[in-house]
Amino acid sequence: MAANILVVEDEPAIQELIAANLSRAGHSVLRATDAETALRLVREALPDLILLDWMLPGMSGIDLARRLRADVRTRDVPIIMLTARGDERDKVVGLDTGADDYITKPFSPRELVARIKAVLRRRAPQATEDPVEIGGLRLDPATHRVSGGEQPMSLGPTEFRLLHFLMTHPERVHSRSQLLDQVWGDHVFVEERTVDVHIRRLRSALEPNRFEHLVQTVRGAGYRFSREAE
């Protein structure tokens, strides 16, 4: 599944190289050449991952990473630092700011794409194309197919995204507002009760194959996908 990746890099040639390879890998790319532009783009819509150059004009990449990690809205967005500083001490500083990975320039485009995939799989599995299967229910993002007990199931696009997110975060309770941010996007303004409508539709789609019980309501908290029935 394509991820929305924000590339914060002030060298045009490197930015273009990264963007071209990410686009070729199927990702959507946003670009910024400085921290202020990056913050504006992040305010408009949260990316799935940020590639962040250490040396930027004005606010440094390290300071930007600290600022993102200090904000409740952006603290969980995966960050990969890009830098020519290869000393172990510099790597420790980068990782201590909350970066999920640290890539030293020059790097191969193939390695970059692989490292991005690894971070997304670990931190944002709903942004990958890895199939997920729990208790006989299988969802394949690449083919956009869902099956239960080897029987195909029909889901609408929103229900598919909702199920994908829940299945990639099993047993965790998510509030309506969290689901809106993760499934609809935090830049989309809809009523929280919209989540309830789509949860009901999702359960109805799962019911013929008897998987509706896996999508559970946690009173006063939200919803979770359980590996077992209550």
C-alpha atoms as a PDB file:
ATOM      1  CA  MET A   1       0.000   0.000   0.000  1.00  0.00           C
ATOM      2  CA  ALA A   2       1.421   3.371  -0.953  1.00  0.00           C
ATOM      3  CA  ALA A   3       2.642   5.518   1.910  1.00  0.00           C
ATOM      4  CA  ASN A   4       2.602   9.310   2.030  1.00  0.00           C
ATOM      5  CA  ILE A   5       6.214  10.309   2.651  1.00  0.00           C
ATOM      6  CA  LEU A   6       7.457  13.809   3.418  1.00  0.00           C
ATOM      7  CA  VAL A   7      11.025  14.413   2.177  1.00  0.00           C
ATOM      8  CA  VAL A   8      12.718  17.303   3.990  1.00  0.00           C
ATOM      9  CA  GLU A   9      15.942  17.901   2.054  1.00  0.00           C
ATOM     10  CA  ASP A  10      17.465  21.212   0.928  1.00  0.00           C
ATOM     11  CA  GLU A  11      19.766  19.841  -1.803  1.00  0.00           C
ATOM     12  CA  PRO A  12      17.675  19.771  -5.024  1.00  0.00           C
ATOM     13  CA  ALA A  13      19.593  16.917  -6.671  1.00  0.00           C
ATOM     14  CA  ILE A  14      19.313  14.649  -3.634  1.00  0.00           C
ATOM     15  CA  GLN A  15      15.670  15.552  -3.100  1.00  0.00           C
ATOM     16  CA  GLU A  16      14.873  14.743  -6.734  1.00  0.00           C
ATOM     17  CA  LEU A  17      16.731  11.420  -6.555  1.00  0.00           C
ATOM     18  CA  ILE A  18      14.872  10.405  -3.405  1.00  0.00           C
ATOM     19  CA  ALA A  19      11.478  11.505  -4.734  1.00  0.00           C
ATOM     20  CA  ALA A  20      11.977   9.649  -8.027  1.00  0.00           C
ATOM     21  CA  ASN A  21      12.884   6.393  -6.301  1.00  0.00           C
ATOM     22  CA  LEU A  22      10.061   6.640  -3.779  1.00  0.00           C
ATOM     23  CA  SER A  23       7.562   7.333  -6.558  1.00  0.00           C
ATOM     24  CA  ARG A  24       8.922   4.362  -8.487  1.00  0.00           C
ATOM     25  CA  ALA A  25       8.365   2.232  -5.368  1.00  0.00           C
ATOM     26  CA  GLY A  26       4.714   3.313  -5.353  1.00  0.00           C
ATOM     27  CA  HIS A  27       4.793   5.950  -2.626  1.00  0.00           C
ATOM     28  CA  SER A  28       3.307   9.450  -2.699  1.00  0.00           C
ATOM     29  CA  VAL A  29       5.912  12.136  -2.055  1.00  0.00           C
ATOM     30  CA  LEU A  30       5.655  15.568  -0.461  1.00  0.00           C
ATOM     31  CA  ARG A  31       8.710  17.850  -0.527  1.00  0.00           C
ATOM     32  CA  ALA A  32      10.121  20.542   1.720  1.00  0.00           C
ATOM     33  CA  THR A  33      13.478  22.306   1.638  1.00  0.00           C
ATOM     34  CA  ASP A  34      13.331  23.709   5.170  1.00  0.00           C
ATOM     35  CA  ALA A  35      11.742  23.070   8.557  1.00  0.00           C
ATOM     36  CA  GLU A  36       9.113  25.799   8.274  1.00  0.00           C
ATOM     37  CA  THR A  37       7.742  24.372   5.025  1.00  0.00           C
ATOM     38  CA  ALA A  38       7.805  20.890   6.549  1.00  0.00           C
ATOM     39  CA  LEU A  39       5.811  22.063   9.573  1.00  0.00           C
ATOM     40  CA  ARG A  40       3.230  23.697   7.309  1.00  0.00           C
ATOM     41  CA  LEU A  41       2.799  20.497   5.302  1.00  0.00           C
ATOM     42  CA  VAL A  42       2.510  18.428   8.467  1.00  0.00           C
ATOM     43  CA  ARG A  43      -0.142  20.800   9.802  1.00  0.00           C
ATOM     44  CA  GLU A  44      -2.168  20.269   6.636  1.00  0.00           C
ATOM     45  CA  ALA A  45      -2.014  16.461   6.799  1.00  0.00           C
ATOM     46  CA  LEU A  46       0.077  13.935   8.695  1.00  0.00           C
ATOM     47  CA  PRO A  47       2.438  11.921   6.489  1.00  0.00           C
ATOM     48  CA  ASP A  48       3.007   8.213   7.084  1.00  0.00           C
ATOM     49  CA  LEU A  49       6.755   8.813   7.388  1.00  0.00           C
ATOM     50  CA  ILE A  50       9.230  11.698   7.301  1.00  0.00           C
ATOM     51  CA  LEU A  51      12.683  11.563   5.685  1.00  0.00           C
ATOM     52  CA  LEU A  52      14.548  14.345   7.442  1.00  0.00           C
ATOM     53  CA  ASP A  53      17.919  15.847   6.538  1.00  0.00           C
ATOM     54  CA  TRP A  54      20.033  16.828   9.538  1.00  0.00           C
ATOM     55  CA  MET A  55      21.508  19.994   7.992  1.00  0.00           C
ATOM     56  CA  LEU A  56      18.732  22.366   6.962  1.00  0.00           C
ATOM     57  CA  PRO A  57      18.683  26.162   6.548  1.00  0.00           C
ATOM     58  CA  GLY A  58      17.251  27.828   9.637  1.00  0.00           C
ATOM     59  CA  MET A  59      15.947  25.219  12.063  1.00  0.00           C
ATOM     60  CA  SER A  60      18.057  22.039  11.899  1.00  0.00           C
ATOM     61  CA  GLY A  61      16.640  18.616  11.266  1.00  0.00           C
ATOM     62  CA  ILE A  62      17.499  17.609  14.841  1.00  0.00           C
ATOM     63  CA  ASP A  63      15.535  20.544  16.259  1.00  0.00           C
ATOM     64  CA  LEU A  64      12.636  19.787  13.925  1.00  0.00           C
ATOM     65  CA  ALA A  65      12.623  16.150  15.042  1.00  0.00           C
ATOM     66  CA  ARG A  66      12.539  17.244  18.686  1.00  0.00           C
ATOM     67  CA  ARG A  67       9.647  19.584  17.942  1.00  0.00           C
ATOM     68  CA  LEU A  68       7.689  16.842  16.169  1.00  0.00           C
ATOM     69  CA  ARG A  69       8.263  14.399  19.005  1.00  0.00           C
ATOM     70  CA  ALA A  70       7.142  16.980  21.591  1.00  0.00           C
ATOM     71  CA  ASP A  71       3.765  17.460  19.844  1.00  0.00           C
ATOM     72  CA  VAL A  72       1.060  14.925  20.722  1.00  0.00           C
ATOM     73  CA  ARG A  73      -0.277  15.055  17.161  1.00  0.00           C
ATOM     74  CA  THR A  74       3.051  14.255  15.478  1.00  0.00           C
ATOM     75  CA  ARG A  75       4.975  12.279  18.093  1.00  0.00           C
ATOM     76  CA  ASP A  76       4.161   8.890  16.549  1.00  0.00           C
ATOM     77  CA  VAL A  77       5.016   9.762  12.930  1.00  0.00           C
ATOM     78  CA  PRO A  78       8.047   7.629  11.927  1.00  0.00           C
ATOM     79  CA  ILE A  79      11.189   9.658  11.197  1.00  0.00           C
ATOM     80  CA  ILE A  80      14.309   8.565   9.306  1.00  0.00           C
ATOM     81  CA  MET A  81      17.254  10.940   9.582  1.00  0.00           C
ATOM     82  CA  LEU A  82      19.396  11.565   6.478  1.00  0.00           C
ATOM     83  CA  THR A  83      22.850  12.974   7.102  1.00  0.00           C
ATOM     84  CA  ALA A  84      26.473  13.076   6.002  1.00  0.00           C
ATOM     85  CA  ARG A  85      27.488  12.885   9.674  1.00  0.00           C
ATOM     86  CA  GLY A  86      28.528   9.280  10.178  1.00  0.00           C
ATOM     87  CA  ASP A  87      30.175   9.392  13.607  1.00  0.00           C
ATOM     88  CA  GLU A  88      28.698   7.091  16.214  1.00  0.00           C
ATOM     89  CA  ARG A  89      28.137  10.059  18.519  1.00  0.00           C
ATOM     90  CA  ASP A  90      26.085  11.817  15.848  1.00  0.00           C
ATOM     91  CA  LYS A  91      24.006   8.679  15.279  1.00  0.00           C
ATOM     92  CA  VAL A  92      23.283   8.479  18.994  1.00  0.00           C
ATOM     93  CA  VAL A  93      22.167  12.128  19.009  1.00  0.00           C
ATOM     94  CA  GLY A  94      19.891  11.488  16.030  1.00  0.00           C
ATOM     95  CA  LEU A  95      18.311   8.405  17.574  1.00  0.00           C
ATOM     96  CA  ASP A  96      17.975  10.102  20.967  1.00  0.00           C
ATOM     97  CA  THR A  97      15.783  12.789  19.392  1.00  0.00           C
ATOM     98  CA  GLY A  98      13.280  10.053  18.556  1.00  0.00           C
ATOM     99  CA  ALA A  99      14.335   9.146  15.017  1.00  0.00           C
ATOM    100  CA  ASP A 100      13.419   5.587  14.072  1.00  0.00           C
ATOM    101  CA  ASP A 101      16.416   5.094  11.798  1.00  0.00           C
ATOM    102  CA  TYR A 102      19.533   6.933  10.670  1.00  0.00           C
ATOM    103  CA  ILE A 103      20.950   6.744   7.132  1.00  0.00           C
ATOM    104  CA  THR A 104      24.353   8.158   6.271  1.00  0.00           C
ATOM    105  CA  LYS A 105      24.983   9.876   2.941  1.00  0.00           C
ATOM    106  CA  PRO A 106      25.830   8.712   0.361  1.00  0.00           C
ATOM    107  CA  PHE A 107      23.300   5.869   0.357  1.00  0.00           C
ATOM    108  CA  SER A 108      21.874   3.618  -2.325  1.00  0.00           C
ATOM    109  CA  PRO A 109      18.250   4.229  -3.357  1.00  0.00           C
ATOM    110  CA  ARG A 110      17.571   0.508  -2.946  1.00  0.00           C
ATOM    111  CA  GLU A 111      18.784   0.592   0.667  1.00  0.00           C
ATOM    112  CA  LEU A 112      16.696   3.684   1.375  1.00  0.00           C
ATOM    113  CA  VAL A 113      13.513   2.044   0.062  1.00  0.00           C
ATOM    114  CA  ALA A 114      14.271  -1.097   2.076  1.00  0.00           C
ATOM    115  CA  ARG A 115      14.867   0.870   5.280  1.00  0.00           C
ATOM    116  CA  ILE A 116      11.630   2.801   4.747  1.00  0.00           C
ATOM    117  CA  LYS A 117       9.741  -0.465   4.313  1.00  0.00           C
ATOM    118  CA  ALA A 118      11.266  -1.840   7.514  1.00  0.00           C
ATOM    119  CA  VAL A 119      10.330   1.241   9.542  1.00  0.00           C
ATOM    120  CA  LEU A 120       6.786   1.290   8.155  1.00  0.00           C
ATOM    121  CA  ARG A 121       6.361  -2.415   8.906  1.00  0.00           C
ATOM    122  CA  ARG A 122       7.430  -1.765  12.492  1.00  0.00           C
ATOM    123  CA  ARG A 123       5.787   1.592  13.176  1.00  0.00           C
ATOM    124  CA  ALA A 124       2.964   1.962  10.619  1.00  0.00           C
ATOM    125  CA  PRO A 125       2.015  -1.504   9.307  1.00  0.00           C
ATOM    126  CA  GLN A 126      -1.225  -0.128   7.851  1.00  0.00           C
ATOM    127  CA  ALA A 127       0.918   1.765   5.323  1.00  0.00           C
ATOM    128  CA  THR A 128       2.506  -1.407   3.905  1.00  0.00           C
ATOM    129  CA  GLU A 129       1.268  -3.993   1.423  1.00  0.00           C
ATOM    130  CA  ASP A 130       1.997  -6.942   3.696  1.00  0.00           C
ATOM    131  CA  PRO A 131      -0.972  -9.333   3.961  1.00  0.00           C
ATOM    132  CA  VAL A 132      -2.330  -9.790   7.469  1.00  0.00           C
ATOM    133  CA  GLU A 133      -4.203 -12.845   8.753  1.00  0.00           C
ATOM    134  CA  ILE A 134      -5.787 -13.341  12.157  1.00  0.00           C
ATOM    135  CA  GLY A 135      -7.997 -16.216  13.194  1.00  0.00           C
ATOM    136  CA  GLY A 136      -8.786 -17.248   9.631  1.00  0.00           C
ATOM    137  CA  LEU A 137      -9.604 -13.707   8.482  1.00  0.00           C
ATOM    138  CA  ARG A 138      -7.158 -12.569   5.797  1.00  0.00           C
ATOM    139  CA  LEU A 139      -6.688  -9.119   4.277  1.00  0.00           C
ATOM    140  CA  ASP A 140      -4.380  -8.449   1.337  1.00  0.00           C
ATOM    141  CA  PRO A 141      -3.735  -4.719   0.708  1.00  0.00           C
ATOM    142  CA  ALA A 142      -1.991  -5.362  -2.624  1.00  0.00           C
ATOM    143  CA  THR A 143      -5.027  -7.050  -4.198  1.00  0.00           C
ATOM    144  CA  HIS A 144      -7.587  -5.263  -1.995  1.00  0.00           C
ATOM    145  CA  ARG A 145      -9.173  -8.609  -1.102  1.00  0.00           C
ATOM    146  CA  VAL A 146     -10.588  -9.916   2.155  1.00  0.00           C
ATOM    147  CA  SER A 147     -11.432 -13.543   2.808  1.00  0.00           C
ATOM    148  CA  GLY A 148     -12.715 -15.494   5.776  1.00  0.00           C
ATOM    149  CA  GLY A 149     -12.253 -19.238   5.898  1.00  0.00           C
ATOM    150  CA  GLU A 150     -11.144 -19.008   2.242  1.00  0.00           C
ATOM    151  CA  GLN A 151     -14.472 -17.432   1.315  1.00  0.00           C
ATOM    152  CA  PRO A 152     -14.205 -14.004  -0.387  1.00  0.00           C
ATOM    153  CA  MET A 153     -15.841 -11.056   1.351  1.00  0.00           C
ATOM    154  CA  SER A 154     -17.000  -7.730  -0.050  1.00  0.00           C
ATOM    155  CA  LEU A 155     -16.075  -4.521   1.800  1.00  0.00           C
ATOM    156  CA  GLY A 156     -16.420  -0.884   0.850  1.00  0.00           C
ATOM    157  CA  PRO A 157     -13.209   1.196   0.617  1.00  0.00           C
ATOM    158  CA  THR A 158     -13.642   2.843   4.021  1.00  0.00           C
ATOM    159  CA  GLU A 159     -14.496  -0.445   5.718  1.00  0.00           C
ATOM    160  CA  PHE A 160     -11.431  -2.005   4.064  1.00  0.00           C
ATOM    161  CA  ARG A 161      -9.122   0.725   5.434  1.00  0.00           C
ATOM    162  CA  LEU A 162     -10.773   0.484   8.836  1.00  0.00           C
ATOM    163  CA  LEU A 163     -10.341  -3.289   8.979  1.00  0.00           C
ATOM    164  CA  HIS A 164      -6.748  -3.022   7.752  1.00  0.00           C
ATOM    165  CA  PHE A 165      -5.849  -0.569  10.500  1.00  0.00           C
ATOM    166  CA  LEU A 166      -7.573  -2.605  13.216  1.00  0.00           C
ATOM    167  CA  MET A 167      -6.004  -5.877  12.082  1.00  0.00           C
ATOM    168  CA  THR A 168      -2.504  -4.377  12.007  1.00  0.00           C
ATOM    169  CA  HIS A 169      -2.992  -3.143  15.585  1.00  0.00           C
ATOM    170  CA  PRO A 170      -4.746  -6.113  17.240  1.00  0.00           C
ATOM    171  CA  GLU A 171      -5.860  -5.955  20.868  1.00  0.00           C
ATOM    172  CA  ARG A 172      -5.249  -2.197  21.071  1.00  0.00           C
ATOM    173  CA  VAL A 173      -8.180   0.022  21.952  1.00  0.00           C
ATOM    174  CA  HIS A 174      -8.641   3.003  19.624  1.00  0.00           C
ATOM    175  CA  SER A 175     -10.928   5.937  20.328  1.00  0.00           C
ATOM    176  CA  ARG A 176     -13.193   7.323  17.629  1.00  0.00           C
ATOM    177  CA  SER A 177     -10.937  10.346  17.186  1.00  0.00           C
ATOM    178  CA  GLN A 178      -7.878   8.113  16.798  1.00  0.00           C
ATOM    179  CA  LEU A 179      -9.634   6.032  14.154  1.00  0.00           C
ATOM    180  CA  LEU A 180     -10.698   9.183  12.318  1.00  0.00           C
ATOM    181  CA  ASP A 181      -7.084  10.392  12.245  1.00  0.00           C
ATOM    182  CA  GLN A 182      -5.639   7.056  11.160  1.00  0.00           C
ATOM    183  CA  VAL A 183      -8.287   5.886   8.683  1.00  0.00           C
ATOM    184  CA  TRP A 184      -9.851   9.083   7.337  1.00  0.00           C
ATOM    185  CA  GLY A 185      -6.845  11.364   7.894  1.00  0.00           C
ATOM    186  CA  ASP A 186      -6.451  14.083  10.489  1.00  0.00           C
ATOM    187  CA  HIS A 187      -7.113  16.737   7.831  1.00  0.00           C
ATOM    188  CA  VAL A 188     -10.640  15.413   7.207  1.00  0.00           C
ATOM    189  CA  PHE A 189     -13.297  16.905   9.453  1.00  0.00           C
ATOM    190  CA  VAL A 190     -16.216  14.548  10.043  1.00  0.00           C
ATOM    191  CA  GLU A 191     -18.326  13.692  13.066  1.00  0.00           C
ATOM    192  CA  GLU A 192     -16.893  11.083  15.428  1.00  0.00           C
ATOM    193  CA  ARG A 193     -20.173   9.148  15.150  1.00  0.00           C
ATOM    194  CA  THR A 194     -19.242   8.516  11.522  1.00  0.00           C
ATOM    195  CA  VAL A 195     -16.909   5.859  12.921  1.00  0.00           C
ATOM    196  CA  ASP A 196     -19.871   4.050  14.511  1.00  0.00           C
ATOM    197  CA  VAL A 197     -21.665   3.906  11.166  1.00  0.00           C
ATOM    198  CA  HIS A 198     -18.695   2.321   9.429  1.00  0.00           C
ATOM    199  CA  ILE A 199     -18.059  -0.084  12.310  1.00  0.00           C
ATOM    200  CA  ARG A 200     -21.640  -1.320  11.885  1.00  0.00           C
ATOM    201  CA  ARG A 201     -21.109  -1.698   8.132  1.00  0.00           C
ATOM    202  CA  LEU A 202     -17.859  -3.559   8.746  1.00  0.00           C
ATOM    203  CA  ARG A 203     -19.506  -5.954  11.162  1.00  0.00           C
ATOM    204  CA  SER A 204     -22.355  -6.547   8.712  1.00  0.00           C
ATOM    205  CA  ALA A 205     -19.818  -7.429   6.003  1.00  0.00           C
ATOM    206  CA  LEU A 206     -18.019  -9.823   8.358  1.00  0.00           C
ATOM    207  CA  GLU A 207     -21.187 -11.408   9.774  1.00  0.00           C
ATOM    208  CA  PRO A 208     -21.946 -13.917   6.948  1.00  0.00           C
ATOM    209  CA  ASN A 209     -18.561 -15.546   7.593  1.00  0.00           C
ATOM    210  CA  ARG A 210     -18.950 -15.220  11.380  1.00  0.00           C
ATOM    211  CA  PHE A 211     -16.050 -12.861  12.001  1.00  0.00           C
ATOM    212  CA  GLU A 212     -18.068  -9.883  13.242  1.00  0.00           C
ATOM    213  CA  HIS A 213     -17.266 -10.738  16.876  1.00  0.00           C
ATOM    214  CA  LEU A 214     -13.592  -9.867  16.316  1.00  0.00           C
ATOM    215  CA  VAL A 215     -14.471  -6.162  16.044  1.00  0.00           C
ATOM    216  CA  GLN A 216     -15.308  -5.331  19.632  1.00  0.00           C
ATOM    217  CA  THR A 217     -16.727  -2.279  21.371  1.00  0.00           C
ATOM    218  CA  VAL A 218     -14.915  -1.166  24.519  1.00  0.00           C
ATOM    219  CA  ARG A 219     -17.468   0.816  26.472  1.00  0.00           C
ATOM    220  CA  GLY A 220     -16.387   4.400  27.074  1.00  0.00           C
ATOM    221  CA  ALA A 221     -13.119   3.942  25.191  1.00  0.00           C
ATOM    222  CA  GLY A 222     -13.636   2.956  21.549  1.00  0.00           C
ATOM    223  CA  TYR A 223     -13.049  -0.155  19.464  1.00  0.00           C
ATOM    224  CA  ARG A 224     -10.511  -2.936  19.144  1.00  0.00           C
ATOM    225  CA  PHE A 225      -9.813  -5.933  16.927  1.00  0.00           C
ATOM    226  CA  SER A 226      -9.480  -9.016  19.097  1.00  0.00           C
ATOM    227  CA  ARG A 227      -7.746 -12.264  18.247  1.00  0.00           C
ATOM    228  CA  GLU A 228     -10.478 -14.094  20.133  1.00  0.00           C
ATOM    229  CA  ALA A 229     -14.172 -13.643  20.830  1.00  0.00           C
ATOM    230  CA  GLU A 230     -15.193 -12.001  24.066  1.00  0.00           C
END
